[in-house]
Protein backbone atom coordinates (compact mmCIF):
# COMPACT_ATOMS: atom_id res chain seq x y z
CA MET A 1 66.61 104.16 1.51
CA PRO A 2 63.65 105.21 3.75
CA SER A 3 65.00 105.48 7.16
CA ARG A 4 63.61 103.17 9.83
CA TYR A 5 64.37 105.75 12.61
CA ALA A 6 61.18 106.44 13.58
CA GLU A 7 60.05 102.74 13.61
CA VAL A 8 63.10 101.50 15.95
CA TYR A 9 63.14 104.55 18.22
CA ALA A 10 59.69 103.74 19.22
CA GLU A 11 60.48 100.27 19.44
CA TRP A 12 62.86 101.18 22.15
CA ARG A 13 60.01 103.72 23.76
CA ALA A 14 57.54 100.90 23.63
CA ASP A 15 59.89 98.61 25.64
CA PRO A 16 63.71 99.71 26.69
CA GLN A 17 64.67 96.28 28.34
CA ALA A 18 63.26 93.88 25.32
CA PHE A 19 65.33 96.35 23.06
CA TRP A 20 68.22 96.25 24.68
CA ALA A 21 67.97 92.58 25.44
CA LYS A 22 67.64 91.96 21.53
CA ALA A 23 70.94 94.28 21.26
CA ALA A 24 72.68 92.20 23.78
CA ALA A 25 72.36 89.15 21.72
CA ASP A 26 75.23 90.37 19.79
CA ILE A 27 77.69 89.96 22.06
CA ASP A 28 79.43 86.87 23.66
CA TRP A 29 79.12 86.43 27.13
CA ILE A 30 80.63 84.03 29.35
CA SER A 31 76.83 84.17 31.72
CA PRO A 32 74.36 85.96 29.51
CA PRO A 33 72.09 88.30 31.34
CA LYS A 34 68.98 87.08 32.72
CA ARG A 35 67.80 90.50 34.22
CA ILE A 36 68.02 93.64 31.54
CA PHE A 37 67.91 96.29 34.32
CA ASP A 38 68.36 97.03 37.65
CA ASP A 39 66.56 100.23 38.70
CA LYS A 40 67.66 99.75 42.57
CA ALA A 41 71.30 99.19 41.76
CA GLY A 42 73.97 101.77 41.93
CA VAL A 43 73.14 105.64 41.29
CA TYR A 44 70.33 105.38 38.99
CA GLY A 45 70.43 101.72 37.87
CA ARG A 46 72.51 99.13 36.40
CA TRP A 47 72.28 97.33 33.07
CA PHE A 48 72.89 93.46 32.81
CA PRO A 49 73.60 93.15 36.60
CA ASP A 50 73.54 89.09 36.68
CA ALA A 51 75.81 88.88 33.62
CA THR A 52 79.50 87.91 32.80
CA CYS A 53 81.60 88.66 30.04
CA ASN A 54 85.33 89.89 28.90
CA THR A 55 85.74 92.83 26.25
CA CYS A 56 88.89 91.86 25.13
CA PHE A 57 87.51 88.32 24.13
CA ASN A 58 84.59 90.09 22.00
CA ALA A 59 87.27 92.44 20.67
CA LEU A 60 89.72 90.04 19.64
CA ASP A 61 89.37 86.12 20.45
CA ARG A 62 85.79 85.72 18.84
CA HIS A 63 87.00 86.74 15.40
CA VAL A 64 89.93 84.92 15.55
CA VAL A 65 87.61 81.68 16.30
CA ALA A 66 85.27 82.40 13.80
CA GLY A 67 87.95 82.12 10.97
CA ARG A 68 88.67 85.51 10.54
CA GLY A 69 92.11 85.91 12.23
CA ALA A 70 93.79 86.85 8.64
CA GLN A 71 91.53 89.97 8.51
CA THR A 72 93.36 93.06 9.17
CA ALA A 73 92.03 94.56 12.99
CA ILE A 74 94.64 97.77 12.99
CA LEU A 75 96.08 100.10 10.00
CA TYR A 76 98.77 101.98 11.75
CA ASP A 77 99.60 104.93 9.32
CA SER A 78 102.26 107.60 10.85
CA PRO A 79 103.58 110.24 8.53
CA VAL A 80 105.38 111.72 11.38
CA THR A 81 107.66 108.45 11.94
CA GLY A 82 107.02 107.49 8.14
CA ALA A 83 105.79 104.11 9.69
CA LYS A 84 103.14 101.97 8.72
CA ARG A 85 101.96 98.56 10.07
CA ARG A 86 99.16 96.20 9.19
CA ILE A 87 98.04 94.02 11.96
CA SER A 88 95.80 91.35 11.33
CA TYR A 89 93.21 90.11 14.19
CA ALA A 90 95.50 87.00 14.69
CA GLU A 91 98.39 89.16 15.22
CA LEU A 92 96.81 91.62 17.56
CA LEU A 93 95.57 88.47 19.82
CA ASP A 94 99.16 87.13 20.12
CA GLU A 95 100.43 90.66 20.91
CA VAL A 96 97.77 91.47 23.68
CA ALA A 97 97.83 88.37 25.51
CA THR A 98 101.57 88.47 25.62
CA LEU A 99 101.36 91.77 27.13
CA GLY A 100 98.81 90.46 29.35
CA ALA A 101 101.20 88.26 30.53
CA VAL A 102 103.92 91.17 30.96
CA LEU A 103 101.15 92.82 33.44
CA ARG A 104 100.40 89.75 35.31
CA SER A 105 104.16 89.85 36.08
CA PHE A 106 103.73 93.10 37.67
CA GLU A 107 101.05 91.68 39.76
CA VAL A 108 98.26 93.12 37.85
CA GLY A 109 94.94 91.54 38.47
CA LYS A 110 91.40 92.27 38.29
CA GLY A 111 90.17 95.73 39.41
CA ASP A 112 93.63 97.23 39.97
CA ARG A 113 94.25 100.23 37.76
CA VAL A 114 96.75 100.94 35.13
CA VAL A 115 97.37 104.51 33.94
CA ILE A 116 98.55 104.49 30.15
CA TYR A 117 100.37 107.87 29.10
CA MET A 118 101.30 107.15 25.52
CA PRO A 119 100.97 108.34 21.77
CA MET A 120 99.25 107.14 19.27
CA VAL A 121 101.22 103.75 18.27
CA PRO A 122 99.99 100.32 18.36
CA GLN A 123 101.60 99.41 21.39
CA ALA A 124 99.05 101.77 23.77
CA LEU A 125 95.90 99.86 21.96
CA ALA A 126 97.52 96.76 22.84
CA ALA A 127 97.80 97.99 26.50
CA MET A 128 94.37 98.99 26.67
CA LEU A 129 93.04 95.46 25.35
CA ALA A 130 95.88 93.96 27.92
CA CYS A 131 94.03 95.44 30.56
CA ALA A 132 90.82 94.43 29.51
CA ARG A 133 91.64 90.87 28.77
CA ILE A 134 93.51 90.33 32.52
CA GLY A 135 90.52 92.35 34.09
CA ALA A 136 92.57 95.29 35.01
CA VAL A 137 90.88 98.82 34.66
CA HIS A 138 92.98 101.20 32.57
CA SER A 139 92.66 104.93 32.75
CA VAL A 140 94.43 106.74 29.42
CA VAL A 141 96.04 110.33 30.06
CA PHE A 142 96.42 112.18 26.78
CA GLY A 143 100.28 112.49 26.08
CA GLY A 144 99.83 116.41 25.66
CA PHE A 145 98.85 116.80 29.58
CA ALA A 146 101.37 118.47 31.62
CA ALA A 147 102.93 116.80 34.86
CA PRO A 148 100.25 118.41 37.04
CA GLU A 149 97.34 117.03 35.10
CA LEU A 150 98.93 113.51 35.30
CA ALA A 151 99.69 113.80 38.80
CA ALA A 152 96.25 114.51 39.75
CA ARG A 153 95.03 111.62 37.87
CA ILE A 154 97.42 109.59 39.12
CA ASP A 155 96.35 110.27 42.62
CA ASP A 156 92.72 109.67 41.89
CA ALA A 157 93.18 106.23 39.99
CA ARG A 158 95.95 105.10 42.37
CA PRO A 159 97.51 102.81 39.58
CA LYS A 160 99.50 100.09 40.38
CA LEU A 161 101.40 100.05 37.29
CA ILE A 162 102.31 102.89 34.84
CA LEU A 163 102.49 102.12 31.26
CA ALA A 164 104.28 104.98 28.76
CA ALA A 165 106.30 105.69 25.96
CA SER A 166 109.70 107.72 26.01
CA CYS A 167 107.96 110.31 23.64
CA GLY A 168 105.73 111.49 21.49
CA VAL A 169 106.54 113.02 17.73
CA GLU A 170 104.48 115.97 16.56
CA PRO A 171 105.75 117.82 13.15
CA GLY A 172 108.73 119.31 13.86
CA ARG A 173 109.44 118.43 17.12
CA ILE A 174 109.91 115.43 19.59
CA VAL A 175 107.59 115.79 23.03
CA ALA A 176 109.87 113.74 25.75
CA TYR A 177 107.35 112.19 28.04
CA LYS A 178 109.38 110.49 30.30
CA PRO A 179 110.53 113.86 31.81
CA LEU A 180 106.68 114.79 32.42
CA LEU A 181 106.34 111.37 34.08
CA ASP A 182 109.07 111.42 36.29
CA ALA A 183 107.97 114.89 37.70
CA ALA A 184 104.15 113.57 37.94
CA ILE A 185 105.10 110.73 40.18
CA GLY A 186 107.33 113.31 42.02
CA LEU A 187 104.19 115.52 42.48
CA ALA A 188 101.75 112.99 43.17
CA ALA A 189 101.10 111.25 46.71
CA HIS A 190 100.41 107.71 45.05
CA LYS A 191 103.61 106.39 43.90
CA PRO A 192 102.97 103.36 41.43
CA SER A 193 104.93 100.27 42.26
CA ALA A 194 106.56 100.05 38.53
CA CYS A 195 106.58 101.84 35.09
CA LEU A 196 106.91 99.89 31.81
CA VAL A 197 108.13 102.13 29.54
CA LEU A 198 108.29 101.81 25.68
CA GLN A 199 111.88 103.26 24.32
CA ARG A 200 111.36 104.81 20.95
CA PRO A 201 113.86 105.26 18.77
CA GLN A 202 113.15 109.66 18.23
CA ALA A 203 113.91 109.77 21.94
CA GLU A 204 115.44 107.21 24.37
CA ALA A 205 114.35 107.82 28.04
CA LYS A 206 116.54 107.15 31.13
CA LEU A 207 114.93 104.58 33.24
CA ILE A 208 115.37 104.59 37.12
CA ALA A 209 116.32 101.40 38.40
CA GLY A 210 114.13 99.70 40.72
CA ARG A 211 111.08 101.08 39.22
CA ASP A 212 111.34 101.52 35.53
CA HIS A 213 111.36 98.77 33.02
CA ASP A 214 112.03 98.44 29.36
CA TRP A 215 108.62 97.50 27.54
CA GLN A 216 110.50 95.88 24.85
CA ALA A 217 112.75 93.39 26.70
CA ALA A 218 109.82 92.58 29.20
CA PHE A 219 107.59 91.80 26.06
CA ASP A 220 110.24 89.74 24.18
CA ALA A 221 110.74 87.60 27.49
CA ALA A 222 107.40 86.69 27.88
CA LYS A 223 107.12 86.03 24.24
CA ALA A 224 110.39 83.75 24.37
CA ALA A 225 108.61 81.76 27.20
CA ASP A 226 105.45 81.33 25.53
CA ARG A 227 103.60 83.21 28.39
CA ARG A 228 100.30 84.18 27.44
CA ALA A 229 97.37 85.47 29.70
CA GLY A 230 93.87 84.23 29.19
CA CYS A 231 90.58 86.08 29.39
CA VAL A 232 89.54 86.91 33.01
CA GLU A 233 85.60 86.79 33.72
CA VAL A 234 84.46 90.02 35.02
CA ALA A 235 80.65 91.11 35.83
CA ALA A 236 78.94 93.08 33.33
CA THR A 237 78.96 96.09 35.81
CA ASP A 238 82.61 95.93 36.71
CA PRO A 239 84.97 98.70 35.57
CA LEU A 240 86.20 98.60 31.93
CA TYR A 241 88.00 102.01 32.39
CA ILE A 242 88.32 105.32 33.32
CA LEU A 243 88.57 108.48 31.47
CA TYR A 244 89.05 111.85 33.27
CA THR A 245 87.34 114.74 31.97
CA SER A 246 87.44 118.44 33.31
CA GLY A 247 85.63 119.50 36.55
CA THR A 248 84.46 123.01 36.88
CA THR A 249 86.19 122.87 40.21
CA GLY A 250 89.59 122.11 38.41
CA LYS A 251 89.78 118.60 39.85
CA PRO A 252 89.26 116.18 37.11
CA LYS A 253 86.02 113.76 37.29
CA GLY A 254 87.10 109.87 37.02
CA VAL A 255 84.40 108.81 34.55
CA VAL A 256 83.71 104.93 34.68
CA ARG A 257 82.87 102.83 32.02
CA ASP A 258 81.39 99.37 32.48
CA ASN A 259 82.37 96.25 30.52
CA GLY A 260 78.38 94.77 29.30
CA GLY A 261 76.56 97.99 28.72
CA HIS A 262 79.70 99.44 27.04
CA MET A 263 80.03 96.28 24.50
CA VAL A 264 76.21 96.62 23.89
CA ALA A 265 75.93 100.30 23.21
CA LEU A 266 79.06 100.21 20.98
CA LYS A 267 78.47 97.17 18.85
CA TRP A 268 74.76 98.40 18.18
CA SER A 269 75.98 101.94 16.78
CA MET A 270 78.37 100.68 14.41
CA GLN A 271 75.89 99.13 12.13
CA ASN A 272 72.79 101.20 12.99
CA ILE A 273 74.42 105.06 13.73
CA TYR A 274 77.72 104.57 11.32
CA GLY A 275 76.39 102.07 8.95
CA VAL A 276 79.16 100.36 8.74
CA ALA A 277 79.59 96.54 7.97
CA PRO A 278 82.37 94.02 9.76
CA GLY A 279 85.39 93.74 7.29
CA GLU A 280 85.28 97.43 6.02
CA THR A 281 87.80 100.25 6.98
CA PHE A 282 86.49 102.77 9.62
CA TRP A 283 88.73 105.57 10.22
CA THR A 284 88.44 107.93 13.58
CA ALA A 285 90.94 110.68 13.71
CA SER A 286 91.08 111.36 17.20
CA ASP A 287 93.69 110.43 19.89
CA ILE A 288 93.04 107.59 22.24
CA GLY A 289 93.39 109.72 25.07
CA TRP A 290 89.75 111.02 24.33
CA VAL A 291 86.81 109.23 24.44
CA VAL A 292 86.17 109.11 21.00
CA GLY A 293 89.36 107.32 20.63
CA HIS A 294 88.34 104.96 23.26
CA SER A 295 85.18 104.14 21.69
CA TYR A 296 85.66 104.45 17.69
CA ILE A 297 89.27 103.76 17.20
CA VAL A 298 89.64 101.11 19.64
CA TYR A 299 86.64 99.33 20.89
CA ALA A 300 83.53 99.53 18.55
CA PRO A 301 85.12 99.18 15.50
CA LEU A 302 87.13 95.91 17.14
CA LEU A 303 83.80 94.60 18.71
CA HIS A 304 82.03 94.91 15.33
CA GLY A 305 85.13 92.89 13.13
CA CYS A 306 86.10 96.21 11.42
CA THR A 307 89.35 97.32 10.46
CA SER A 308 90.43 100.66 12.36
CA VAL A 309 93.01 103.06 11.48
CA LEU A 310 95.58 104.39 14.04
CA TYR A 311 96.68 107.36 12.54
CA GLU A 312 99.68 109.51 14.31
CA GLY A 313 99.73 112.76 12.33
CA LYS A 314 97.58 115.89 11.73
CA PRO A 315 94.93 117.11 9.28
CA ILE A 316 97.72 119.70 8.15
CA GLY A 317 101.43 119.54 8.05
CA THR A 318 102.04 115.97 7.84
CA PRO A 319 102.91 116.89 5.33
CA ASP A 320 99.95 118.96 3.86
CA ALA A 321 96.18 119.65 4.03
CA GLY A 322 95.98 116.83 1.63
CA ALA A 323 96.73 114.17 4.72
CA PHE A 324 93.07 113.35 5.33
CA TRP A 325 92.56 112.42 1.59
CA ARG A 326 95.80 110.20 1.11
CA VAL A 327 94.59 108.26 3.90
CA ILE A 328 91.46 107.55 2.74
CA ASP A 329 92.80 106.59 -0.51
CA GLU A 330 95.46 104.56 0.69
CA HIS A 331 93.19 102.39 3.00
CA LYS A 332 90.12 102.40 1.19
CA VAL A 333 88.18 103.92 4.15
CA VAL A 334 84.44 103.82 3.79
CA SER A 335 83.49 106.26 7.01
CA PHE A 336 85.36 108.62 8.66
CA PHE A 337 85.22 110.44 11.60
CA THR A 338 87.00 113.47 13.23
CA ALA A 339 85.92 116.97 14.77
CA PRO A 340 85.29 119.82 12.80
CA THR A 341 88.03 121.63 14.09
CA ALA A 342 90.09 119.44 11.69
CA PHE A 343 88.03 120.46 8.86
CA ARG A 344 88.09 124.21 9.49
CA ALA A 345 92.20 124.02 9.41
CA VAL A 346 92.06 122.02 6.19
CA ARG A 347 90.08 124.48 4.72
CA LYS A 348 91.90 127.35 5.54
CA GLU A 349 94.87 125.86 3.96
CA ASP A 350 93.26 124.44 0.95
CA PRO A 351 89.88 126.29 0.62
CA ASP A 352 89.81 125.01 -2.79
CA GLY A 353 90.17 121.43 -2.73
CA ALA A 354 93.26 121.48 -4.98
CA LEU A 355 94.94 118.52 -2.83
CA LEU A 356 91.92 116.48 -2.85
CA LYS A 357 91.97 116.42 -6.42
CA LYS A 358 95.21 114.22 -6.14
CA TYR A 359 93.34 111.44 -4.44
CA SER A 360 90.30 109.19 -4.99
CA THR A 361 88.20 109.34 -2.06
CA ALA A 362 85.64 107.00 -4.04
CA SER A 363 85.69 104.52 -1.14
CA LEU A 364 84.43 107.01 1.35
CA ARG A 365 80.57 106.94 1.71
CA THR A 366 79.97 108.94 4.81
CA LEU A 367 81.71 111.69 6.99
CA PHE A 368 81.03 112.00 10.88
CA LEU A 369 81.73 115.61 12.55
CA ALA A 370 81.52 115.48 16.79
CA GLY A 371 83.75 116.93 19.62
CA GLU A 372 82.41 120.52 19.15
CA ARG A 373 79.45 122.21 17.65
CA ALA A 374 79.69 121.84 14.14
CA ASP A 375 78.94 125.24 12.20
CA PRO A 376 76.96 125.20 8.93
CA GLU A 377 79.95 126.75 6.48
CA THR A 378 82.22 124.12 7.71
CA LEU A 379 79.62 121.26 7.18
CA ALA A 380 78.79 122.96 3.53
CA TRP A 381 82.03 123.32 2.56
CA ALA A 382 82.96 119.34 3.32
CA GLY A 383 79.59 118.30 1.57
CA ARG A 384 80.71 120.30 -1.53
CA MET A 385 84.72 119.23 -1.45
CA LEU A 386 83.67 115.14 -0.71
CA LYS A 387 80.31 114.89 -2.50
CA ILE A 388 78.83 112.56 0.31
CA PRO A 389 76.65 112.80 3.21
CA VAL A 390 78.37 115.10 5.93
CA VAL A 391 76.47 113.90 9.29
CA ASP A 392 76.84 116.10 12.41
CA HIS A 393 76.60 114.23 16.00
CA TRP A 394 76.43 114.93 19.12
CA TRP A 395 77.73 112.90 22.71
CA GLN A 396 80.16 113.68 25.55
CA THR A 397 82.78 111.49 27.47
CA GLU A 398 80.13 110.63 29.87
CA THR A 399 77.79 108.97 27.50
CA GLY A 400 80.58 107.03 25.49
CA TRP A 401 78.45 107.08 22.27
CA PRO A 402 76.05 109.48 20.75
CA ILE A 403 73.19 110.90 22.24
CA VAL A 404 71.83 112.95 19.15
CA ALA A 405 72.81 111.59 15.36
CA ASN A 406 71.48 111.18 11.96
CA PRO A 407 71.59 106.96 12.02
CA VAL A 408 73.09 106.33 8.70
CA GLY A 409 72.43 102.45 9.05
CA LEU A 410 68.30 103.00 9.92
CA GLY A 411 68.46 105.45 6.87
CA LEU A 412 69.66 108.86 6.60
CA LEU A 413 67.18 111.68 7.93
CA PRO A 414 67.07 115.05 5.87
CA ILE A 415 70.28 116.66 7.29
CA LYS A 416 69.80 120.36 8.89
CA PRO A 417 73.19 122.36 8.84
CA GLY A 418 73.61 123.23 12.65
CA SER A 419 71.88 120.30 14.47
CA PRO A 420 72.92 116.66 15.02
CA THR A 421 69.41 115.62 14.20
CA VAL A 422 67.95 113.67 16.30
CA PRO A 423 67.92 111.37 19.84
CA MET A 424 69.12 107.90 19.40
CA PRO A 425 67.70 104.84 21.14
CA GLY A 426 68.10 104.72 24.99
CA TYR A 427 68.30 108.73 24.84
CA GLU A 428 65.01 110.82 25.61
CA VAL A 429 65.98 114.03 25.64
CA GLU A 430 64.44 117.31 26.53
CA VAL A 431 64.76 121.16 26.71
CA VAL A 432 64.06 122.50 29.74
CA ASP A 433 63.72 125.60 32.08
CA ASP A 434 65.29 126.25 35.29
CA ALA A 435 62.68 124.65 36.96
CA ALA A 436 62.92 121.30 34.75
CA LYS A 437 59.82 121.74 32.60
CA PRO A 438 60.03 121.67 28.58
CA VAL A 439 60.15 124.58 27.12
CA LYS A 440 58.78 125.38 23.76
CA PRO A 441 60.09 124.47 20.40
CA GLY A 442 62.46 127.13 19.71
CA ALA A 443 63.24 128.20 22.83
CA MET A 444 66.65 128.07 24.38
CA GLY A 445 67.37 126.34 27.31
CA SER A 446 69.36 123.44 29.17
CA ILE A 447 69.67 120.32 27.21
CA VAL A 448 68.75 117.13 29.72
CA VAL A 449 68.47 113.31 29.23
CA LYS A 450 65.69 111.53 31.16
CA LEU A 451 66.95 108.60 33.63
CA PRO A 452 67.95 106.19 33.28
CA LEU A 453 70.90 106.30 31.08
CA PRO A 454 71.15 103.73 28.40
CA PRO A 455 73.91 101.07 28.43
CA GLY A 456 77.31 102.17 27.49
CA ALA A 457 76.64 105.62 29.79
CA LEU A 458 78.58 106.33 33.13
CA PRO A 459 77.15 104.47 35.95
CA THR A 460 79.46 106.88 38.15
CA LEU A 461 82.16 108.51 38.80
CA PHE A 462 85.19 106.71 40.09
CA GLN A 463 84.51 105.97 43.77
CA ASN A 464 82.51 108.89 44.13
CA ASP A 465 78.81 108.12 43.82
CA GLN A 466 78.15 111.31 45.78
CA ARG A 467 80.20 113.55 42.96
CA MET A 468 78.43 112.02 40.36
CA VAL A 469 74.95 112.81 41.79
CA GLU A 470 75.70 116.53 42.30
CA SER A 471 77.50 116.94 39.15
CA TYR A 472 74.87 115.50 36.87
CA LEU A 473 71.84 114.52 38.45
CA SER A 474 70.80 116.91 41.59
CA GLU A 475 69.82 120.28 39.32
CA PHE A 476 67.20 118.88 37.55
CA PRO A 477 65.74 115.81 39.18
CA GLY A 478 65.04 112.74 37.19
CA TYR A 479 67.52 113.62 34.42
CA TYR A 480 70.76 113.78 33.70
CA LYS A 481 72.46 117.58 33.05
CA THR A 482 74.37 117.55 29.96
CA ALA A 483 75.54 120.89 30.94
CA ASP A 484 74.77 122.03 27.45
CA ALA A 485 72.51 124.61 26.10
CA GLY A 486 70.41 124.80 23.11
CA TYR A 487 66.82 123.84 21.49
CA LYS A 488 64.44 121.97 19.52
CA ASP A 489 62.53 122.95 16.53
CA GLU A 490 59.12 121.86 15.47
CA ASP A 491 60.50 117.96 13.77
CA GLY A 492 62.16 117.57 17.06
CA TYR A 493 66.13 118.30 15.82
CA LEU A 494 67.99 119.43 18.27
CA PHE A 495 70.39 122.26 18.26
CA VAL A 496 73.13 122.22 20.71
CA MET A 497 74.50 126.00 21.09
CA GLY A 498 77.16 125.74 23.72
CA ARG A 499 77.97 124.77 27.26
CA THR A 500 76.17 126.26 30.30
CA ASP A 501 78.95 126.03 32.76
CA ASP A 502 82.98 126.67 32.34
CA ILE A 503 83.89 124.14 30.34
CA ILE A 504 85.58 125.33 27.27
CA ASN A 505 86.01 123.35 24.01
CA VAL A 506 89.50 123.90 22.22
CA ALA A 507 89.76 121.55 19.13
CA GLY A 508 87.34 119.02 20.64
CA HIS A 509 88.88 118.92 23.72
CA ARG A 510 86.76 119.85 26.79
CA LEU A 511 89.21 121.88 29.42
CA SER A 512 88.26 123.40 32.77
CA THR A 513 88.62 127.69 32.73
CA GLY A 514 89.01 126.92 36.32
CA GLY A 515 92.02 124.75 35.99
CA ILE A 516 93.90 127.41 33.48
CA GLU A 517 92.80 130.36 35.95
CA GLU A 518 94.56 128.33 38.65
CA ALA A 519 97.48 128.25 36.45
CA LEU A 520 97.39 131.83 36.04
CA ALA A 521 97.05 132.64 39.62
CA ALA A 522 100.17 130.92 40.86
CA HIS A 523 102.00 133.89 38.85
CA ARG A 524 103.75 136.22 41.51
CA ASP A 525 102.21 139.29 39.83
CA VAL A 526 98.64 138.25 39.32
CA ALA A 527 95.91 139.13 42.09
CA GLU A 528 93.06 137.69 40.33
CA CYS A 529 92.08 136.23 36.58
CA ALA A 530 89.06 134.91 34.50
CA VAL A 531 89.38 132.61 31.48
CA ILE A 532 86.69 132.05 28.73
CA GLY A 533 86.65 130.68 25.61
CA VAL A 534 86.98 133.08 22.90
CA LYS A 535 85.63 132.05 19.24
CA ASP A 536 88.47 130.77 16.84
CA GLU A 537 88.22 130.00 13.38
CA ILE A 538 90.10 127.17 13.59
CA LYS A 539 89.65 125.40 17.17
CA GLY A 540 86.26 126.42 17.76
CA GLU A 541 87.53 128.04 20.76
CA ALA A 542 90.54 129.21 22.11
CA PRO A 543 90.85 130.47 25.74
CA VAL A 544 91.83 133.93 26.86
CA GLY A 545 93.18 135.00 30.04
CA PHE A 546 92.28 138.35 31.66
CA ILE A 547 94.48 138.96 34.53
CA VAL A 548 94.26 141.82 37.13
CA LEU A 549 97.91 142.69 38.67
CA LYS A 550 98.54 143.13 42.28
CA ALA A 551 98.87 146.37 43.48
CA GLY A 552 102.60 147.83 43.57
CA VAL A 553 103.80 145.75 40.78
CA ASP A 554 105.91 147.99 38.19
CA ARG A 555 107.14 145.40 35.81
CA GLN A 556 105.84 145.94 32.17
CA PRO A 557 102.34 144.38 31.71
CA ASP A 558 103.60 142.51 28.31
CA VAL A 559 106.34 140.96 30.15
CA ILE A 560 104.08 139.45 32.76
CA GLU A 561 101.59 138.49 30.30
CA ARG A 562 104.32 136.16 28.13
CA GLU A 563 105.11 134.86 31.56
CA ALA A 564 101.54 134.04 32.40
CA VAL A 565 101.21 132.18 29.15
CA ALA A 566 104.42 130.33 29.53
CA LEU A 567 103.23 129.33 33.03
CA VAL A 568 99.85 127.73 31.31
CA ARG A 569 101.80 125.73 28.90
CA GLU A 570 103.87 124.37 31.76
CA ARG A 571 101.09 123.39 34.39
CA ILE A 572 98.40 122.65 31.39
CA GLY A 573 100.17 121.56 28.47
CA PRO A 574 100.08 122.86 24.69
CA VAL A 575 96.69 121.00 24.55
CA ALA A 576 95.60 124.17 26.24
CA ALA A 577 96.08 126.16 23.37
CA PHE A 578 96.50 129.16 25.68
CA LYS A 579 98.46 131.86 23.75
CA ARG A 580 96.80 135.36 25.15
CA ALA A 581 96.62 136.77 28.70
CA ILE A 582 95.58 140.35 28.97
CA THR A 583 95.98 142.60 31.79
CA VAL A 584 93.33 144.80 32.97
CA PRO A 585 92.34 147.11 35.83
CA ARG A 586 89.58 145.06 37.28
CA LEU A 587 87.25 142.17 36.32
CA PRO A 588 83.64 142.93 35.85
CA LYS A 589 81.55 141.61 38.57
CA THR A 590 78.07 141.08 40.13
CA ARG A 591 77.40 142.80 43.66
CA SER A 592 77.78 139.24 45.13
CA GLY A 593 81.14 138.96 43.62
CA LYS A 594 80.33 136.97 40.86
CA ILE A 595 82.69 137.08 37.67
CA LEU A 596 80.70 137.77 34.56
CA ARG A 597 82.28 135.50 32.41
CA GLY A 598 79.39 135.18 30.03
CA THR A 599 79.21 139.10 29.36
CA MET A 600 82.61 138.92 28.69
CA LYS A 601 82.75 136.29 26.14
CA LYS A 602 79.78 137.68 24.19
CA ILE A 603 81.98 141.09 24.59
CA ALA A 604 84.94 138.94 23.00
CA ASP A 605 83.09 137.24 20.22
CA GLY A 606 81.49 140.34 19.01
CA GLU A 607 77.85 139.63 19.84
CA ASN A 608 75.23 141.82 20.78
CA TRP A 609 75.24 141.90 24.81
CA ALA A 610 73.69 143.84 27.64
CA THR A 611 74.59 145.30 31.05
CA PRO A 612 73.47 143.04 33.67
CA ALA A 613 71.06 144.37 36.21
CA THR A 614 73.53 142.70 38.78
CA ILE A 615 76.60 144.35 37.71
CA ASP A 616 78.52 146.35 40.38
CA ASP A 617 80.23 149.05 37.96
CA PRO A 618 79.18 148.70 34.29
CA ALA A 619 82.60 150.64 33.17
CA ALA A 620 84.18 147.67 34.15
CA LEU A 621 82.88 146.16 30.69
CA ASP A 622 83.75 148.72 28.80
CA GLU A 623 87.50 148.09 30.25
CA ILE A 624 87.40 144.62 28.93
CA ALA A 625 86.22 145.70 25.38
CA GLN A 626 89.21 148.32 25.30
CA ALA A 627 91.66 145.53 26.24
CA LEU A 628 90.56 142.99 23.70
CA LYS A 629 91.38 145.92 21.21
CA ARG A 630 94.93 145.59 22.06
């Protein structure tokens, strides 16, 4: 059908407040908004400042009240454990209300923080919704993070309660979570009052008396006593969750998501961007530890009344590269969303699509890719295999929903490989120079978004307005800095070419090179180090560390390199995918002492590079090139 994008985007441009007031009518408010936007509130303004609501009610209760309780809300599919479970809206509501009562028994109430450290199991999703139900603020930490990373988040969020599982299950191995949790609490200055632990049969955990409590026992007791938590009224501007993203200093940034604007934006996106109707099956192959999982496994599909697939598995190895096709066929998925990394892995294992022929993907209308730059070759391969539109789109942890996309629900625009297409309503995207002046089409620059940000985007960082301003709003006055670089073409299509700071993207996971460098620098023989992201066929980028040894070290460099790799794995966790440390005599620097990471990356990626005029000794770059050949 002809696309309505230009008409809808123009409608938003003409009257943003009227546009979002209309979108807000799709939410069940306790006290509907009389004001749509207050430009004097918060760091850059606040949406729906006088409204009250409850996110859990909109995700569950209202569908049950409307007579759709028997519809499947969650399809749990776990090839790593062999478990499958179909959970209706009514069943999920009962589980969430009961778990909410359990949280209340630990004196968790409105505004209290709860850290969730769990794998992809239904109880984790229920935990998020239970927090939303009682007005608590959840902070989900990806189960792959090591104890120091978890400890940093505990100290920032200061949770009253931690919800954890005894273990995660990966292909061929069990990852014990409880020892990591215990170590993190030991490292953290803040001590939670209690931990609720879900015992998984693959590896039961030892509980610490007085602090740890058995999840299932507490849940069963609440159910037997018929204790259920009701929905707590919260302000639309109250926080729903905190999600930590890597900071350039190594200290994580607590991105805050509010209740009202979040619901309005996500509900709007499901129909208009993803083109999915209530009752249809939507699958996002991500993890609830990341923003994609928050937005498009948990909240958006349930707010819209869809069936959401909760998948505890991998694109390959569970059991093979046909895993995606099996899930799509079995559950009749209409729209599938994953990272380009996943498709690169599938393509590597099954380039001719032999495994695809074993299944029917006739239900699938659209494939969405995001989380990193989707290279044109991967897009083309996926399109050939599936014979459906493959839609790249671009957004961030901070925004919570797409900045730039091809809005399927409004009618597909022409696809340009390498481009996530055009800005969505709410986002006025510019490519600017260092003086914040827009550059000409085709010219590279910093990608920025004109303030105010739309509903659903972060209003601030957790209890740190100043860091919010310094991180995102000060460098380009009047704009939000995305820290991505790229260009627009003559048609207004955006091309996102890479990060402008030192955050690297490993399989869609944003990791701070500063954090990895901190781990490397802790090695007793390392004097200084630098980490860059190097192009990787599967993961998009892979971190590589260059280490300079202290004077007088007489141990073999290859031994130290192996120890350095192990140290990063211990401190950051396997999520860093750190496998290569290279000893070099020195690091290339400017005369002022700045390490030339950008030039190092070009050398490692095999790109054309020029010696920077500010370099102290050009021979240091040749040493990097030689070291990479080892």
